[in-house]
ModelCIF file with pLDDT and N, C-alpha, C, O atoms, coordinates in Angstrom:
data_MODEL
#
_entry.id   MODEL 
#
_entity.id                         1 
_entity.type                       polymer 
_entity.pdbx_number_of_molecules   1 
#
_entity_poly.entity_id                      1 
_entity_poly.type                           'polypeptide(L)' 
_entity_poly.nstd_linkage                   no 
_entity_poly.nstd_monomer                   no 
_entity_poly.pdbx_seq_one_letter_code       
;(UNK)(UNK)(UNK)(UNK)(UNK)(UNK)(UNK)(UNK)(UNK)(UNK)(UNK)(UNK)(UNK)(UNK)(UNK)(UNK)
(UNK)(UNK)(UNK)(UNK)(UNK)(UNK)(UNK)(UNK)(UNK)(UNK)(UNK)(UNK)(UNK)(UNK)(UNK)(UNK)
(UNK)(UNK)(UNK)(UNK)(UNK)(UNK)(UNK)(UNK)(UNK)(UNK)(UNK)(UNK)(UNK)(UNK)(UNK)(UNK)
;
_entity_poly.pdbx_seq_one_letter_code_can   XXXXXXXXXXXXXXXXXXXXXXXXXXXXXXXXXXXXXXXXXXXXXXXX 
_entity_poly.pdbx_strand_id                 A 
#
loop_
_entity_poly_seq.entity_id 
_entity_poly_seq.num 
_entity_poly_seq.mon_id 
_entity_poly_seq.hetero 
1 1  UNK n 
1 2  UNK n 
1 3  UNK n 
1 4  UNK n 
1 5  UNK n 
1 6  UNK n 
1 7  UNK n 
1 8  UNK n 
1 9  UNK n 
1 10 UNK n 
1 11 UNK n 
1 12 UNK n 
1 13 UNK n 
1 14 UNK n 
1 15 UNK n 
1 16 UNK n 
1 17 UNK n 
1 18 UNK n 
1 19 UNK n 
1 20 UNK n 
1 21 UNK n 
1 22 UNK n 
1 23 UNK n 
1 24 UNK n 
1 25 UNK n 
1 26 UNK n 
1 27 UNK n 
1 28 UNK n 
1 29 UNK n 
1 30 UNK n 
1 31 UNK n 
1 32 UNK n 
1 33 UNK n 
1 34 UNK n 
1 35 UNK n 
1 36 UNK n 
1 37 UNK n 
1 38 UNK n 
1 39 UNK n 
1 40 UNK n 
1 41 UNK n 
1 42 UNK n 
1 43 UNK n 
1 44 UNK n 
1 45 UNK n 
1 46 UNK n 
1 47 UNK n 
1 48 UNK n 
#
_struct_asym.id          A 
_struct_asym.entity_id   1 
#
loop_
_ma_qa_metric.id 
_ma_qa_metric.mode 
_ma_qa_metric.name 
_ma_qa_metric.software_group_id 
_ma_qa_metric.type 
1 global pLDDT . pLDDT 
2 local  pLDDT . pLDDT 
#
_ma_qa_metric_global.metric_id      1 
_ma_qa_metric_global.metric_value   88.85 
_ma_qa_metric_global.model_id       1 
_ma_qa_metric_global.ordinal_id     1 
#
loop_
_ma_qa_metric_local.label_asym_id 
_ma_qa_metric_local.label_comp_id 
_ma_qa_metric_local.label_seq_id 
_ma_qa_metric_local.metric_id 
_ma_qa_metric_local.metric_value 
_ma_qa_metric_local.model_id 
_ma_qa_metric_local.ordinal_id 
A UNK 1  2 96.00 1 1  
A UNK 2  2 94.00 1 2  
A UNK 3  2 93.00 1 3  
A UNK 4  2 92.00 1 4  
A UNK 5  2 92.00 1 5  
A UNK 6  2 92.00 1 6  
A UNK 7  2 93.00 1 7  
A UNK 8  2 94.00 1 8  
A UNK 9  2 94.00 1 9  
A UNK 10 2 94.00 1 10 
A UNK 11 2 95.00 1 11 
A UNK 12 2 96.00 1 12 
A UNK 13 2 97.00 1 13 
A UNK 14 2 97.00 1 14 
A UNK 15 2 97.00 1 15 
A UNK 16 2 96.00 1 16 
A UNK 17 2 94.00 1 17 
A UNK 18 2 94.00 1 18 
A UNK 19 2 93.00 1 19 
A UNK 20 2 89.00 1 20 
A UNK 21 2 84.00 1 21 
A UNK 22 2 77.00 1 22 
A UNK 23 2 78.00 1 23 
A UNK 24 2 84.00 1 24 
A UNK 25 2 90.00 1 25 
A UNK 26 2 94.00 1 26 
A UNK 27 2 95.00 1 27 
A UNK 28 2 94.00 1 28 
A UNK 29 2 95.00 1 29 
A UNK 30 2 95.00 1 30 
A UNK 31 2 93.00 1 31 
A UNK 32 2 92.00 1 32 
A UNK 33 2 93.00 1 33 
A UNK 34 2 94.00 1 34 
A UNK 35 2 95.00 1 35 
A UNK 36 2 95.00 1 36 
A UNK 37 2 91.00 1 37 
A UNK 38 2 91.00 1 38 
A UNK 39 2 91.00 1 39 
A UNK 40 2 88.00 1 40 
A UNK 41 2 86.00 1 41 
A UNK 42 2 82.00 1 42 
A UNK 43 2 73.00 1 43 
A UNK 44 2 65.00 1 44 
A UNK 45 2 65.00 1 45 
A UNK 46 2 60.00 1 46 
A UNK 47 2 72.00 1 47 
A UNK 48 2 71.00 1 48 
#
loop_
_atom_site.group_PDB 
_atom_site.id 
_atom_site.type_symbol 
_atom_site.label_atom_id 
_atom_site.label_alt_id 
_atom_site.label_comp_id 
_atom_site.label_asym_id 
_atom_site.label_entity_id 
_atom_site.label_seq_id 
_atom_site.pdbx_PDB_ins_code 
_atom_site.Cartn_x 
_atom_site.Cartn_y 
_atom_site.Cartn_z 
_atom_site.occupancy 
_atom_site.B_iso_or_equiv 
_atom_site.pdbx_formal_charge 
_atom_site.auth_seq_id 
_atom_site.auth_comp_id 
_atom_site.auth_asym_id 
_atom_site.auth_atom_id 
_atom_site.pdbx_PDB_model_num 
ATOM 1   N N  . UNK A 1 1  ? -1.863 -22.669 -4.572  1.00 96.00 ? 1  UNK A N  1 
ATOM 2   C CA . UNK A 1 1  ? -0.699 -22.139 -3.859  1.00 96.00 ? 1  UNK A CA 1 
ATOM 3   C C  . UNK A 1 1  ? -0.437 -22.970 -2.606  1.00 96.00 ? 1  UNK A C  1 
ATOM 4   O O  . UNK A 1 1  ? -1.339 -23.610 -2.067  1.00 96.00 ? 1  UNK A O  1 
ATOM 5   N N  . UNK A 1 2  ? 0.804  -22.945 -2.162  1.00 94.00 ? 2  UNK A N  1 
ATOM 6   C CA . UNK A 1 2  ? 1.185  -23.755 -1.005  1.00 94.00 ? 2  UNK A CA 1 
ATOM 7   C C  . UNK A 1 2  ? 0.498  -23.307 0.272   1.00 94.00 ? 2  UNK A C  1 
ATOM 8   O O  . UNK A 1 2  ? 0.304  -24.106 1.189   1.00 94.00 ? 2  UNK A O  1 
ATOM 9   N N  . UNK A 1 3  ? 0.128  -22.032 0.338   1.00 93.00 ? 3  UNK A N  1 
ATOM 10  C CA . UNK A 1 3  ? -0.413 -21.484 1.588   1.00 93.00 ? 3  UNK A CA 1 
ATOM 11  C C  . UNK A 1 3  ? -1.327 -20.310 1.268   1.00 93.00 ? 3  UNK A C  1 
ATOM 12  O O  . UNK A 1 3  ? -1.047 -19.558 0.335   1.00 93.00 ? 3  UNK A O  1 
ATOM 13  N N  . UNK A 1 4  ? -2.423 -20.131 2.024   1.00 92.00 ? 4  UNK A N  1 
ATOM 14  C CA . UNK A 1 4  ? -3.307 -18.983 1.797   1.00 92.00 ? 4  UNK A CA 1 
ATOM 15  C C  . UNK A 1 4  ? -2.605 -17.641 1.980   1.00 92.00 ? 4  UNK A C  1 
ATOM 16  O O  . UNK A 1 4  ? -3.041 -16.630 1.429   1.00 92.00 ? 4  UNK A O  1 
ATOM 17  N N  . UNK A 1 5  ? -1.513 -17.629 2.757   1.00 92.00 ? 5  UNK A N  1 
ATOM 18  C CA . UNK A 1 5  ? -0.798 -16.388 3.015   1.00 92.00 ? 5  UNK A CA 1 
ATOM 19  C C  . UNK A 1 5  ? 0.360  -16.172 2.047   1.00 92.00 ? 5  UNK A C  1 
ATOM 20  O O  . UNK A 1 5  ? 1.103  -15.200 2.184   1.00 92.00 ? 5  UNK A O  1 
ATOM 21  N N  . UNK A 1 6  ? 0.524  -17.057 1.080   1.00 92.00 ? 6  UNK A N  1 
ATOM 22  C CA . UNK A 1 6  ? 1.679  -16.986 0.171   1.00 92.00 ? 6  UNK A CA 1 
ATOM 23  C C  . UNK A 1 6  ? 1.220  -16.955 -1.283  1.00 92.00 ? 6  UNK A C  1 
ATOM 24  O O  . UNK A 1 6  ? 1.615  -17.798 -2.089  1.00 92.00 ? 6  UNK A O  1 
ATOM 25  N N  . UNK A 1 7  ? 0.382  -15.973 -1.607  1.00 93.00 ? 7  UNK A N  1 
ATOM 26  C CA . UNK A 1 7  ? -0.097 -15.834 -2.983  1.00 93.00 ? 7  UNK A CA 1 
ATOM 27  C C  . UNK A 1 7  ? 0.975  -15.091 -3.778  1.00 93.00 ? 7  UNK A C  1 
ATOM 28  O O  . UNK A 1 7  ? 0.963  -13.864 -3.884  1.00 93.00 ? 7  UNK A O  1 
ATOM 29  N N  . UNK A 1 8  ? 1.875  -15.853 -4.317  1.00 94.00 ? 8  UNK A N  1 
ATOM 30  C CA . UNK A 1 8  ? 2.994  -15.339 -5.096  1.00 94.00 ? 8  UNK A CA 1 
ATOM 31  C C  . UNK A 1 8  ? 3.444  -16.443 -6.033  1.00 94.00 ? 8  UNK A C  1 
ATOM 32  O O  . UNK A 1 8  ? 3.347  -17.628 -5.711  1.00 94.00 ? 8  UNK A O  1 
ATOM 33  N N  . UNK A 1 9  ? 3.941  -16.039 -7.201  1.00 94.00 ? 9  UNK A N  1 
ATOM 34  C CA . UNK A 1 9  ? 4.312  -17.041 -8.202  1.00 94.00 ? 9  UNK A CA 1 
ATOM 35  C C  . UNK A 1 9  ? 5.351  -18.035 -7.690  1.00 94.00 ? 9  UNK A C  1 
ATOM 36  O O  . UNK A 1 9  ? 5.427  -19.155 -8.193  1.00 94.00 ? 9  UNK A O  1 
ATOM 37  N N  . UNK A 1 10 ? 6.150  -17.646 -6.703  1.00 94.00 ? 10 UNK A N  1 
ATOM 38  C CA . UNK A 1 10 ? 7.150  -18.564 -6.173  1.00 94.00 ? 10 UNK A CA 1 
ATOM 39  C C  . UNK A 1 10 ? 6.509  -19.735 -5.437  1.00 94.00 ? 10 UNK A C  1 
ATOM 40  O O  . UNK A 1 10 ? 7.127  -20.791 -5.295  1.00 94.00 ? 10 UNK A O  1 
ATOM 41  N N  . UNK A 1 11 ? 5.274  -19.557 -4.968  1.00 95.00 ? 11 UNK A N  1 
ATOM 42  C CA . UNK A 1 11 ? 4.584  -20.613 -4.228  1.00 95.00 ? 11 UNK A CA 1 
ATOM 43  C C  . UNK A 1 11 ? 3.396  -21.168 -5.005  1.00 95.00 ? 11 UNK A C  1 
ATOM 44  O O  . UNK A 1 11 ? 2.506  -21.794 -4.428  1.00 95.00 ? 11 UNK A O  1 
ATOM 45  N N  . UNK A 1 12 ? 3.386  -20.935 -6.319  1.00 96.00 ? 12 UNK A N  1 
ATOM 46  C CA . UNK A 1 12 ? 2.349  -21.462 -7.193  1.00 96.00 ? 12 UNK A CA 1 
ATOM 47  C C  . UNK A 1 12 ? 2.728  -22.876 -7.622  1.00 96.00 ? 12 UNK A C  1 
ATOM 48  O O  . UNK A 1 12 ? 3.742  -23.081 -8.290  1.00 96.00 ? 12 UNK A O  1 
ATOM 49  N N  . UNK A 1 13 ? 1.906  -23.846 -7.234  1.00 97.00 ? 13 UNK A N  1 
ATOM 50  C CA . UNK A 1 13 ? 2.219  -25.252 -7.507  1.00 97.00 ? 13 UNK A CA 1 
ATOM 51  C C  . UNK A 1 13 ? 1.631  -25.752 -8.807  1.00 97.00 ? 13 UNK A C  1 
ATOM 52  O O  . UNK A 1 13 ? 2.136  -26.719 -9.377  1.00 97.00 ? 13 UNK A O  1 
ATOM 53  N N  . UNK A 1 14 ? 0.575  -25.118 -9.292  1.00 97.00 ? 14 UNK A N  1 
ATOM 54  C CA . UNK A 1 14 ? -0.063 -25.571 -10.515 1.00 97.00 ? 14 UNK A CA 1 
ATOM 55  C C  . UNK A 1 14 ? -1.444 -24.985 -10.649 1.00 97.00 ? 14 UNK A C  1 
ATOM 56  O O  . UNK A 1 14 ? -1.825 -24.088 -9.897  1.00 97.00 ? 14 UNK A O  1 
ATOM 57  N N  . UNK A 1 15 ? -2.199 -25.493 -11.608 1.00 97.00 ? 15 UNK A N  1 
ATOM 58  C CA . UNK A 1 15 ? -3.559 -25.015 -11.860 1.00 97.00 ? 15 UNK A CA 1 
ATOM 59  C C  . UNK A 1 15 ? -4.478 -26.211 -12.063 1.00 97.00 ? 15 UNK A C  1 
ATOM 60  O O  . UNK A 1 15 ? -4.141 -27.149 -12.785 1.00 97.00 ? 15 UNK A O  1 
ATOM 61  N N  . UNK A 1 16 ? -5.630 -26.172 -11.425 1.00 96.00 ? 16 UNK A N  1 
ATOM 62  C CA . UNK A 1 16 ? -6.556 -27.294 -11.434 1.00 96.00 ? 16 UNK A CA 1 
ATOM 63  C C  . UNK A 1 16 ? -7.066 -27.612 -12.835 1.00 96.00 ? 16 UNK A C  1 
ATOM 64  O O  . UNK A 1 16 ? -7.230 -28.781 -13.187 1.00 96.00 ? 16 UNK A O  1 
ATOM 65  N N  . UNK A 1 17 ? -7.316 -26.584 -13.630 1.00 94.00 ? 17 UNK A N  1 
ATOM 66  C CA . UNK A 1 17 ? -7.831 -26.800 -14.982 1.00 94.00 ? 17 UNK A CA 1 
ATOM 67  C C  . UNK A 1 17 ? -6.712 -27.260 -15.911 1.00 94.00 ? 17 UNK A C  1 
ATOM 68  O O  . UNK A 1 17 ? -6.875 -28.220 -16.665 1.00 94.00 ? 17 UNK A O  1 
ATOM 69  N N  . UNK A 1 18 ? -5.607 -26.588 -15.852 1.00 94.00 ? 18 UNK A N  1 
ATOM 70  C CA . UNK A 1 18 ? -4.502 -26.858 -16.786 1.00 94.00 ? 18 UNK A CA 1 
ATOM 71  C C  . UNK A 1 18 ? -3.807 -28.187 -16.511 1.00 94.00 ? 18 UNK A C  1 
ATOM 72  O O  . UNK A 1 18 ? -3.337 -28.842 -17.442 1.00 94.00 ? 18 UNK A O  1 
ATOM 73  N N  . UNK A 1 19 ? -3.736 -28.594 -15.235 1.00 93.00 ? 19 UNK A N  1 
ATOM 74  C CA . UNK A 1 19 ? -2.922 -29.757 -14.869 1.00 93.00 ? 19 UNK A CA 1 
ATOM 75  C C  . UNK A 1 19 ? -3.707 -31.054 -14.725 1.00 93.00 ? 19 UNK A C  1 
ATOM 76  O O  . UNK A 1 19 ? -3.151 -32.060 -14.285 1.00 93.00 ? 19 UNK A O  1 
ATOM 77  N N  . UNK A 1 20 ? -4.990 -31.050 -15.088 1.00 89.00 ? 20 UNK A N  1 
ATOM 78  C CA . UNK A 1 20 ? -5.767 -32.290 -15.020 1.00 89.00 ? 20 UNK A CA 1 
ATOM 79  C C  . UNK A 1 20 ? -5.201 -33.318 -15.999 1.00 89.00 ? 20 UNK A C  1 
ATOM 80  O O  . UNK A 1 20 ? -4.819 -32.977 -17.118 1.00 89.00 ? 20 UNK A O  1 
ATOM 81  N N  . UNK A 1 21 ? -5.151 -34.576 -15.566 1.00 84.00 ? 21 UNK A N  1 
ATOM 82  C CA . UNK A 1 21 ? -4.636 -35.666 -16.395 1.00 84.00 ? 21 UNK A CA 1 
ATOM 83  C C  . UNK A 1 21 ? -5.670 -36.769 -16.497 1.00 84.00 ? 21 UNK A C  1 
ATOM 84  O O  . UNK A 1 21 ? -6.630 -36.807 -15.727 1.00 84.00 ? 21 UNK A O  1 
ATOM 85  N N  . UNK A 1 22 ? -5.471 -37.661 -17.447 1.00 77.00 ? 22 UNK A N  1 
ATOM 86  C CA . UNK A 1 22 ? -6.377 -38.799 -17.588 1.00 77.00 ? 22 UNK A CA 1 
ATOM 87  C C  . UNK A 1 22 ? -6.355 -39.630 -16.309 1.00 77.00 ? 22 UNK A C  1 
ATOM 88  O O  . UNK A 1 22 ? -5.300 -40.070 -15.854 1.00 77.00 ? 22 UNK A O  1 
ATOM 89  N N  . UNK A 1 23 ? -7.535 -39.834 -15.743 1.00 78.00 ? 23 UNK A N  1 
ATOM 90  C CA . UNK A 1 23 ? -7.636 -40.665 -14.556 1.00 78.00 ? 23 UNK A CA 1 
ATOM 91  C C  . UNK A 1 23 ? -7.298 -39.947 -13.260 1.00 78.00 ? 23 UNK A C  1 
ATOM 92  O O  . UNK A 1 23 ? -7.429 -40.530 -12.184 1.00 78.00 ? 23 UNK A O  1 
ATOM 93  N N  . UNK A 1 24 ? -6.865 -38.687 -13.339 1.00 84.00 ? 24 UNK A N  1 
ATOM 94  C CA . UNK A 1 24 ? -6.523 -37.941 -12.135 1.00 84.00 ? 24 UNK A CA 1 
ATOM 95  C C  . UNK A 1 24 ? -6.920 -36.485 -12.338 1.00 84.00 ? 24 UNK A C  1 
ATOM 96  O O  . UNK A 1 24 ? -6.524 -35.853 -13.317 1.00 84.00 ? 24 UNK A O  1 
ATOM 97  N N  . UNK A 1 25 ? -7.705 -35.963 -11.404 1.00 90.00 ? 25 UNK A N  1 
ATOM 98  C CA . UNK A 1 25 ? -8.152 -34.579 -11.500 1.00 90.00 ? 25 UNK A CA 1 
ATOM 99  C C  . UNK A 1 25 ? -7.013 -33.598 -11.301 1.00 90.00 ? 25 UNK A C  1 
ATOM 100 O O  . UNK A 1 25 ? -5.927 -33.961 -10.850 1.00 90.00 ? 25 UNK A O  1 
ATOM 101 N N  . UNK A 1 26 ? -7.282 -32.356 -11.644 1.00 94.00 ? 26 UNK A N  1 
ATOM 102 C CA . UNK A 1 26 ? -6.248 -31.336 -11.561 1.00 94.00 ? 26 UNK A CA 1 
ATOM 103 C C  . UNK A 1 26 ? -5.742 -31.092 -10.160 1.00 94.00 ? 26 UNK A C  1 
ATOM 104 O O  . UNK A 1 26 ? -4.538 -30.931 -9.958  1.00 94.00 ? 26 UNK A O  1 
ATOM 105 N N  . UNK A 1 27 ? -6.655 -31.061 -9.166  1.00 95.00 ? 27 UNK A N  1 
ATOM 106 C CA . UNK A 1 27 ? -6.190 -30.798 -7.809  1.00 95.00 ? 27 UNK A CA 1 
ATOM 107 C C  . UNK A 1 27 ? -5.351 -31.952 -7.282  1.00 95.00 ? 27 UNK A C  1 
ATOM 108 O O  . UNK A 1 27 ? -4.291 -31.732 -6.696  1.00 95.00 ? 27 UNK A O  1 
ATOM 109 N N  . UNK A 1 28 ? -5.816 -33.182 -7.485  1.00 94.00 ? 28 UNK A N  1 
ATOM 110 C CA . UNK A 1 28 ? -5.049 -34.335 -7.022  1.00 94.00 ? 28 UNK A CA 1 
ATOM 111 C C  . UNK A 1 28 ? -3.676 -34.365 -7.680  1.00 94.00 ? 28 UNK A C  1 
ATOM 112 O O  . UNK A 1 28 ? -2.679 -34.682 -7.031  1.00 94.00 ? 28 UNK A O  1 
ATOM 113 N N  . UNK A 1 29 ? -3.624 -34.038 -8.962  1.00 95.00 ? 29 UNK A N  1 
ATOM 114 C CA . UNK A 1 29 ? -2.341 -34.007 -9.674  1.00 95.00 ? 29 UNK A CA 1 
ATOM 115 C C  . UNK A 1 29 ? -1.389 -33.007 -9.028  1.00 95.00 ? 29 UNK A C  1 
ATOM 116 O O  . UNK A 1 29 ? -0.226 -33.318 -8.770  1.00 95.00 ? 29 UNK A O  1 
ATOM 117 N N  . UNK A 1 30 ? -1.892 -31.809 -8.771  1.00 95.00 ? 30 UNK A N  1 
ATOM 118 C CA . UNK A 1 30 ? -1.045 -30.771 -8.182  1.00 95.00 ? 30 UNK A CA 1 
ATOM 119 C C  . UNK A 1 30 ? -0.628 -31.164 -6.770  1.00 95.00 ? 30 UNK A C  1 
ATOM 120 O O  . UNK A 1 30 ? 0.549  -31.074 -6.420  1.00 95.00 ? 30 UNK A O  1 
ATOM 121 N N  . UNK A 1 31 ? -1.591 -31.599 -5.959  1.00 93.00 ? 31 UNK A N  1 
ATOM 122 C CA . UNK A 1 31 ? -1.287 -31.905 -4.555  1.00 93.00 ? 31 UNK A CA 1 
ATOM 123 C C  . UNK A 1 31 ? -0.284 -33.045 -4.422  1.00 93.00 ? 31 UNK A C  1 
ATOM 124 O O  . UNK A 1 31 ? 0.608  -32.991 -3.575  1.00 93.00 ? 31 UNK A O  1 
ATOM 125 N N  . UNK A 1 32 ? -0.423 -34.065 -5.242  1.00 92.00 ? 32 UNK A N  1 
ATOM 126 C CA . UNK A 1 32 ? 0.392  -35.263 -5.063  1.00 92.00 ? 32 UNK A CA 1 
ATOM 127 C C  . UNK A 1 32 ? 1.652  -35.307 -5.916  1.00 92.00 ? 32 UNK A C  1 
ATOM 128 O O  . UNK A 1 32 ? 2.550  -36.099 -5.631  1.00 92.00 ? 32 UNK A O  1 
ATOM 129 N N  . UNK A 1 33 ? 1.745  -34.470 -6.967  1.00 93.00 ? 33 UNK A N  1 
ATOM 130 C CA . UNK A 1 33 ? 2.897  -34.618 -7.863  1.00 93.00 ? 33 UNK A CA 1 
ATOM 131 C C  . UNK A 1 33 ? 3.667  -33.328 -8.135  1.00 93.00 ? 33 UNK A C  1 
ATOM 132 O O  . UNK A 1 33 ? 4.728  -33.390 -8.757  1.00 93.00 ? 33 UNK A O  1 
ATOM 133 N N  . UNK A 1 34 ? 3.191  -32.176 -7.703  1.00 94.00 ? 34 UNK A N  1 
ATOM 134 C CA . UNK A 1 34 ? 3.881  -30.933 -8.068  1.00 94.00 ? 34 UNK A CA 1 
ATOM 135 C C  . UNK A 1 34 ? 5.288  -30.888 -7.463  1.00 94.00 ? 34 UNK A C  1 
ATOM 136 O O  . UNK A 1 34 ? 5.513  -31.349 -6.344  1.00 94.00 ? 34 UNK A O  1 
ATOM 137 N N  . UNK A 1 35 ? 6.212  -30.331 -8.216  1.00 95.00 ? 35 UNK A N  1 
ATOM 138 C CA . UNK A 1 35 ? 7.596  -30.231 -7.748  1.00 95.00 ? 35 UNK A CA 1 
ATOM 139 C C  . UNK A 1 35 ? 7.695  -29.370 -6.503  1.00 95.00 ? 35 UNK A C  1 
ATOM 140 O O  . UNK A 1 35 ? 8.460  -29.681 -5.590  1.00 95.00 ? 35 UNK A O  1 
ATOM 141 N N  . UNK A 1 36 ? 6.924  -28.285 -6.459  1.00 95.00 ? 36 UNK A N  1 
ATOM 142 C CA . UNK A 1 36 ? 6.980  -27.397 -5.302  1.00 95.00 ? 36 UNK A CA 1 
ATOM 143 C C  . UNK A 1 36 ? 6.568  -28.123 -4.030  1.00 95.00 ? 36 UNK A C  1 
ATOM 144 O O  . UNK A 1 36 ? 7.251  -28.032 -3.010  1.00 95.00 ? 36 UNK A O  1 
ATOM 145 N N  . UNK A 1 37 ? 5.452  -28.846 -4.089  1.00 91.00 ? 37 UNK A N  1 
ATOM 146 C CA . UNK A 1 37 ? 4.981  -29.531 -2.888  1.00 91.00 ? 37 UNK A CA 1 
ATOM 147 C C  . UNK A 1 37 ? 5.937  -30.645 -2.474  1.00 91.00 ? 37 UNK A C  1 
ATOM 148 O O  . UNK A 1 37 ? 6.137  -30.882 -1.283  1.00 91.00 ? 37 UNK A O  1 
ATOM 149 N N  . UNK A 1 38 ? 6.527  -31.328 -3.449  1.00 91.00 ? 38 UNK A N  1 
ATOM 150 C CA . UNK A 1 38 ? 7.506  -32.358 -3.115  1.00 91.00 ? 38 UNK A CA 1 
ATOM 151 C C  . UNK A 1 38 ? 8.710  -31.735 -2.411  1.00 91.00 ? 38 UNK A C  1 
ATOM 152 O O  . UNK A 1 38 ? 9.262  -32.315 -1.476  1.00 91.00 ? 38 UNK A O  1 
ATOM 153 N N  . UNK A 1 39 ? 9.105  -30.567 -2.861  1.00 91.00 ? 39 UNK A N  1 
ATOM 154 C CA . UNK A 1 39 ? 10.236 -29.878 -2.238  1.00 91.00 ? 39 UNK A CA 1 
ATOM 155 C C  . UNK A 1 39 ? 9.905  -29.458 -0.811  1.00 91.00 ? 39 UNK A C  1 
ATOM 156 O O  . UNK A 1 39 ? 10.727 -29.606 0.093   1.00 91.00 ? 39 UNK A O  1 
ATOM 157 N N  . UNK A 1 40 ? 8.691  -28.929 -0.613  1.00 88.00 ? 40 UNK A N  1 
ATOM 158 C CA . UNK A 1 40 ? 8.291  -28.487 0.723   1.00 88.00 ? 40 UNK A CA 1 
ATOM 159 C C  . UNK A 1 40 ? 8.185  -29.657 1.701   1.00 88.00 ? 40 UNK A C  1 
ATOM 160 O O  . UNK A 1 40 ? 8.349  -29.476 2.907   1.00 88.00 ? 40 UNK A O  1 
ATOM 161 N N  . UNK A 1 41 ? 7.912  -30.856 1.183   1.00 86.00 ? 41 UNK A N  1 
ATOM 162 C CA . UNK A 1 41 ? 7.768  -32.030 2.048   1.00 86.00 ? 41 UNK A CA 1 
ATOM 163 C C  . UNK A 1 41 ? 9.084  -32.747 2.298   1.00 86.00 ? 41 UNK A C  1 
ATOM 164 O O  . UNK A 1 41 ? 9.136  -33.687 3.091   1.00 86.00 ? 41 UNK A O  1 
ATOM 165 N N  . UNK A 1 42 ? 10.129 -32.322 1.644   1.00 82.00 ? 42 UNK A N  1 
ATOM 166 C CA . UNK A 1 42 ? 11.435 -32.927 1.873   1.00 82.00 ? 42 UNK A CA 1 
ATOM 167 C C  . UNK A 1 42 ? 12.066 -32.306 3.102   1.00 82.00 ? 42 UNK A C  1 
ATOM 168 O O  . UNK A 1 42 ? 11.675 -31.210 3.505   1.00 82.00 ? 42 UNK A O  1 
ATOM 169 N N  . UNK A 1 43 ? 13.036 -32.980 3.710   1.00 73.00 ? 43 UNK A N  1 
ATOM 170 C CA . UNK A 1 43 ? 13.689 -32.416 4.904   1.00 73.00 ? 43 UNK A CA 1 
ATOM 171 C C  . UNK A 1 43 ? 14.209 -31.008 4.630   1.00 73.00 ? 43 UNK A C  1 
ATOM 172 O O  . UNK A 1 43 ? 14.900 -30.764 3.641   1.00 73.00 ? 43 UNK A O  1 
ATOM 173 N N  . UNK A 1 44 ? 13.858 -30.081 5.537   1.00 65.00 ? 44 UNK A N  1 
ATOM 174 C CA . UNK A 1 44 ? 14.207 -28.682 5.357   1.00 65.00 ? 44 UNK A CA 1 
ATOM 175 C C  . UNK A 1 44 ? 15.356 -28.293 6.276   1.00 65.00 ? 44 UNK A C  1 
ATOM 176 O O  . UNK A 1 44 ? 15.494 -28.803 7.388   1.00 65.00 ? 44 UNK A O  1 
ATOM 177 N N  . UNK A 1 45 ? 16.172 -27.375 5.778   1.00 65.00 ? 45 UNK A N  1 
ATOM 178 C CA . UNK A 1 45 ? 17.193 -26.785 6.639   1.00 65.00 ? 45 UNK A CA 1 
ATOM 179 C C  . UNK A 1 45 ? 16.668 -25.455 7.149   1.00 65.00 ? 45 UNK A C  1 
ATOM 180 O O  . UNK A 1 45 ? 15.970 -24.744 6.426   1.00 65.00 ? 45 UNK A O  1 
ATOM 181 N N  . UNK A 1 46 ? 16.988 -25.119 8.358   1.00 60.00 ? 46 UNK A N  1 
ATOM 182 C CA . UNK A 1 46 ? 16.514 -23.866 8.932   1.00 60.00 ? 46 UNK A CA 1 
ATOM 183 C C  . UNK A 1 46 ? 17.663 -22.993 9.388   1.00 60.00 ? 46 UNK A C  1 
ATOM 184 O O  . UNK A 1 46 ? 17.522 -22.197 10.317  1.00 60.00 ? 46 UNK A O  1 
ATOM 185 N N  . UNK A 1 47 ? 18.796 -23.144 8.734   1.00 72.00 ? 47 UNK A N  1 
ATOM 186 C CA . UNK A 1 47 ? 19.919 -22.259 8.984   1.00 72.00 ? 47 UNK A CA 1 
ATOM 187 C C  . UNK A 1 47 ? 20.307 -22.184 10.443  1.00 72.00 ? 47 UNK A C  1 
ATOM 188 O O  . UNK A 1 47 ? 20.349 -23.186 11.157  1.00 72.00 ? 47 UNK A O  1 
ATOM 189 N N  . UNK A 1 48 ? 20.591 -20.960 10.863  1.00 71.00 ? 48 UNK A N  1 
ATOM 190 C CA . UNK A 1 48 ? 21.034 -20.733 12.239  1.00 71.00 ? 48 UNK A CA 1 
ATOM 191 C C  . UNK A 1 48 ? 19.953 -21.085 13.254  1.00 71.00 ? 48 UNK A C  1 
ATOM 192 O O  . UNK A 1 48 ? 20.168 -20.949 14.458  1.00 71.00 ? 48 UNK A O  1 
#
């Protein structure tokens, strides 16, 4: 999950076991390539 305080499916980036790839472990895959984390690292708007 993106944050310890955000345990909700909306902030679920992936799973270490399910998302492991050849040459890259599951956590590294999620941390470096997940769509959610890429979105959170992009410039954010904060409205008003």
